[in-house]
C-alpha atoms as a PDB file:
ATOM      1  CA  UNK A   1      11.925   4.922  92.400  1.00  0.00           C
ATOM      2  CA  UNK A   2      13.400   6.408  95.560  1.00  0.00           C
ATOM      3  CA  UNK A   3      13.499   4.449  98.801  1.00  0.00           C
ATOM      4  CA  UNK A   4      11.190   5.766 101.535  1.00  0.00           C
ATOM      5  CA  UNK A   5      12.468   5.908 105.100  1.00  0.00           C
ATOM      6  CA  UNK A   6      10.206   6.400 108.118  1.00  0.00           C
ATOM      7  CA  UNK A   7      11.512   9.003 110.574  1.00  0.00           C
ATOM      8  CA  UNK A   8      10.521   9.067 114.246  1.00  0.00           C
ATOM      9  CA  UNK A   9      10.233  11.940 116.662  1.00  0.00           C
ATOM     10  CA  UNK A  10      12.656  11.118 119.462  1.00  0.00           C
ATOM     11  CA  UNK A  11      12.211  14.147 121.709  1.00  0.00           C
ATOM     12  CA  UNK A  12      10.395  17.460 122.016  1.00  0.00           C
ATOM     13  CA  UNK A  13      11.683  20.477 123.903  1.00  0.00           C
ATOM     14  CA  UNK A  14       9.593  23.009 125.827  1.00  0.00           C
ATOM     15  CA  UNK A  15      10.558  25.578 123.149  1.00  0.00           C
ATOM     16  CA  UNK A  16       8.538  23.592 120.588  1.00  0.00           C
ATOM     17  CA  UNK A  17      11.578  22.179 118.781  1.00  0.00           C
ATOM     18  CA  UNK A  18      11.339  18.470 117.944  1.00  0.00           C
ATOM     19  CA  UNK A  19      14.210  16.128 117.135  1.00  0.00           C
ATOM     20  CA  UNK A  20      13.490  13.562 114.415  1.00  0.00           C
ATOM     21  CA  UNK A  21      15.695  10.604 113.448  1.00  0.00           C
ATOM     22  CA  UNK A  22      15.698   7.931 110.749  1.00  0.00           C
ATOM     23  CA  UNK A  23      16.600   4.498 112.159  1.00  0.00           C
ATOM     24  CA  UNK A  24      17.378   3.233 108.635  1.00  0.00           C
ATOM     25  CA  UNK A  25      20.113   5.686 107.583  1.00  0.00           C
ATOM     26  CA  UNK A  26      20.842   7.861 110.604  1.00  0.00           C
ATOM     27  CA  UNK A  27      19.368  11.122 109.250  1.00  0.00           C
ATOM     28  CA  UNK A  28      18.638  13.543 112.121  1.00  0.00           C
ATOM     29  CA  UNK A  29      16.971  16.931 112.113  1.00  0.00           C
ATOM     30  CA  UNK A  30      15.506  19.565 114.396  1.00  0.00           C
ATOM     31  CA  UNK A  31      12.049  20.805 113.424  1.00  0.00           C
ATOM     32  CA  UNK A  32       9.894  23.600 114.763  1.00  0.00           C
ATOM     33  CA  UNK A  33       6.308  24.027 113.554  1.00  0.00           C
ATOM     34  CA  UNK A  34       4.645  27.307 112.498  1.00  0.00           C
ATOM     35  CA  UNK A  35       4.290  30.085 113.330  1.00  0.00           C
ATOM     36  CA  UNK A  36       8.080  29.958 113.988  1.00  0.00           C
ATOM     37  CA  UNK A  37       8.876  27.238 111.440  1.00  0.00           C
ATOM     38  CA  UNK A  38      12.473  26.084 111.125  1.00  0.00           C
ATOM     39  CA  UNK A  39      14.260  22.945 109.981  1.00  0.00           C
ATOM     40  CA  UNK A  40      17.915  22.153 110.672  1.00  0.00           C
ATOM     41  CA  UNK A  41      19.605  18.999 109.374  1.00  0.00           C
ATOM     42  CA  UNK A  42      22.033  17.585 111.959  1.00  0.00           C
ATOM     43  CA  UNK A  43      23.069  14.427 110.054  1.00  0.00           C
ATOM     44  CA  UNK A  44      22.170  14.080 106.352  1.00  0.00           C
ATOM     45  CA  UNK A  45      21.914  10.265 106.256  1.00  0.00           C
ATOM     46  CA  UNK A  46      20.838   8.879 102.873  1.00  0.00           C
ATOM     47  CA  UNK A  47      20.012  11.992 100.867  1.00  0.00           C
ATOM     48  CA  UNK A  48      18.739   9.909  97.947  1.00  0.00           C
ATOM     49  CA  UNK A  49      15.901   8.491 100.092  1.00  0.00           C
ATOM     50  CA  UNK A  50      12.539  10.149 100.585  1.00  0.00           C
ATOM     51  CA  UNK A  51      12.016  10.725 104.314  1.00  0.00           C
ATOM     52  CA  UNK A  52       8.565  10.838 105.896  1.00  0.00           C
ATOM     53  CA  UNK A  53       7.670  10.795 109.533  1.00  0.00           C
ATOM     54  CA  UNK A  54       4.834  10.404 111.931  1.00  0.00           C
ATOM     55  CA  UNK A  55       4.361  10.859 115.605  1.00  0.00           C
ATOM     56  CA  UNK A  56       1.345   8.526 115.440  1.00  0.00           C
ATOM     57  CA  UNK A  57       1.427   4.977 116.685  1.00  0.00           C
ATOM     58  CA  UNK A  58       1.964   2.684 113.726  1.00  0.00           C
ATOM     59  CA  UNK A  59       0.830  -0.950 113.589  1.00  0.00           C
ATOM     60  CA  UNK A  60       3.479  -3.116 115.232  1.00  0.00           C
ATOM     61  CA  UNK A  61       5.318  -0.101 116.697  1.00  0.00           C
ATOM     62  CA  UNK A  62       6.026   0.506 120.359  1.00  0.00           C
ATOM     63  CA  UNK A  63       3.981   3.568 121.463  1.00  0.00           C
ATOM     64  CA  UNK A  64       6.737   4.514 123.922  1.00  0.00           C
ATOM     65  CA  UNK A  65       9.123   5.193 121.026  1.00  0.00           C
ATOM     66  CA  UNK A  66       6.654   6.614 118.503  1.00  0.00           C
ATOM     67  CA  UNK A  67       4.583   9.282 120.275  1.00  0.00           C
ATOM     68  CA  UNK A  68       0.837   9.822 119.960  1.00  0.00           C
ATOM     69  CA  UNK A  69       0.261  13.306 118.545  1.00  0.00           C
ATOM     70  CA  UNK A  70      -1.230  12.059 115.273  1.00  0.00           C
ATOM     71  CA  UNK A  71       0.609  14.553 113.046  1.00  0.00           C
ATOM     72  CA  UNK A  72       2.264  13.526 109.769  1.00  0.00           C
ATOM     73  CA  UNK A  73       5.445  15.160 108.651  1.00  0.00           C
ATOM     74  CA  UNK A  74       6.684  15.448 105.128  1.00  0.00           C
ATOM     75  CA  UNK A  75      10.302  16.460 105.269  1.00  0.00           C
ATOM     76  CA  UNK A  76       9.943  18.630 102.180  1.00  0.00           C
ATOM     77  CA  UNK A  77       8.798  21.433 104.466  1.00  0.00           C
ATOM     78  CA  UNK A  78       5.268  21.567 103.060  1.00  0.00           C
ATOM     79  CA  UNK A  79       2.673  22.106 105.771  1.00  0.00           C
ATOM     80  CA  UNK A  80      -0.859  21.712 104.381  1.00  0.00           C
ATOM     81  CA  UNK A  81      -2.051  24.642 106.498  1.00  0.00           C
ATOM     82  CA  UNK A  82       0.500  27.135 105.158  1.00  0.00           C
ATOM     83  CA  UNK A  83       1.780  25.734 101.850  1.00  0.00           C
ATOM     84  CA  UNK A  84       5.381  25.325 100.673  1.00  0.00           C
ATOM     85  CA  UNK A  85       8.215  26.967 102.536  1.00  0.00           C
ATOM     86  CA  UNK A  86      11.681  27.944 101.423  1.00  0.00           C
ATOM     87  CA  UNK A  87      14.374  25.272 101.906  1.00  0.00           C
ATOM     88  CA  UNK A  88      16.208  25.514 105.200  1.00  0.00           C
END
């Protein structure tokens, strides 16, 4: 079974681009949501791990570092509203 790492949104730009980072392995990526979806990996980190992320407050997490938008991210690029996308 693959390890699962929890990514965190660390900043959002006015353009709509978000930067996400994994505190476990150092993976970093830039993500932009539809309709102008894009994903760019800045640092690959542990590519054998499954990365998931949330901008919701998690139990025991500091809200100042986690965000409060309530949106879950699956790094596979699948958005439930639009379906699978091509790898970026």
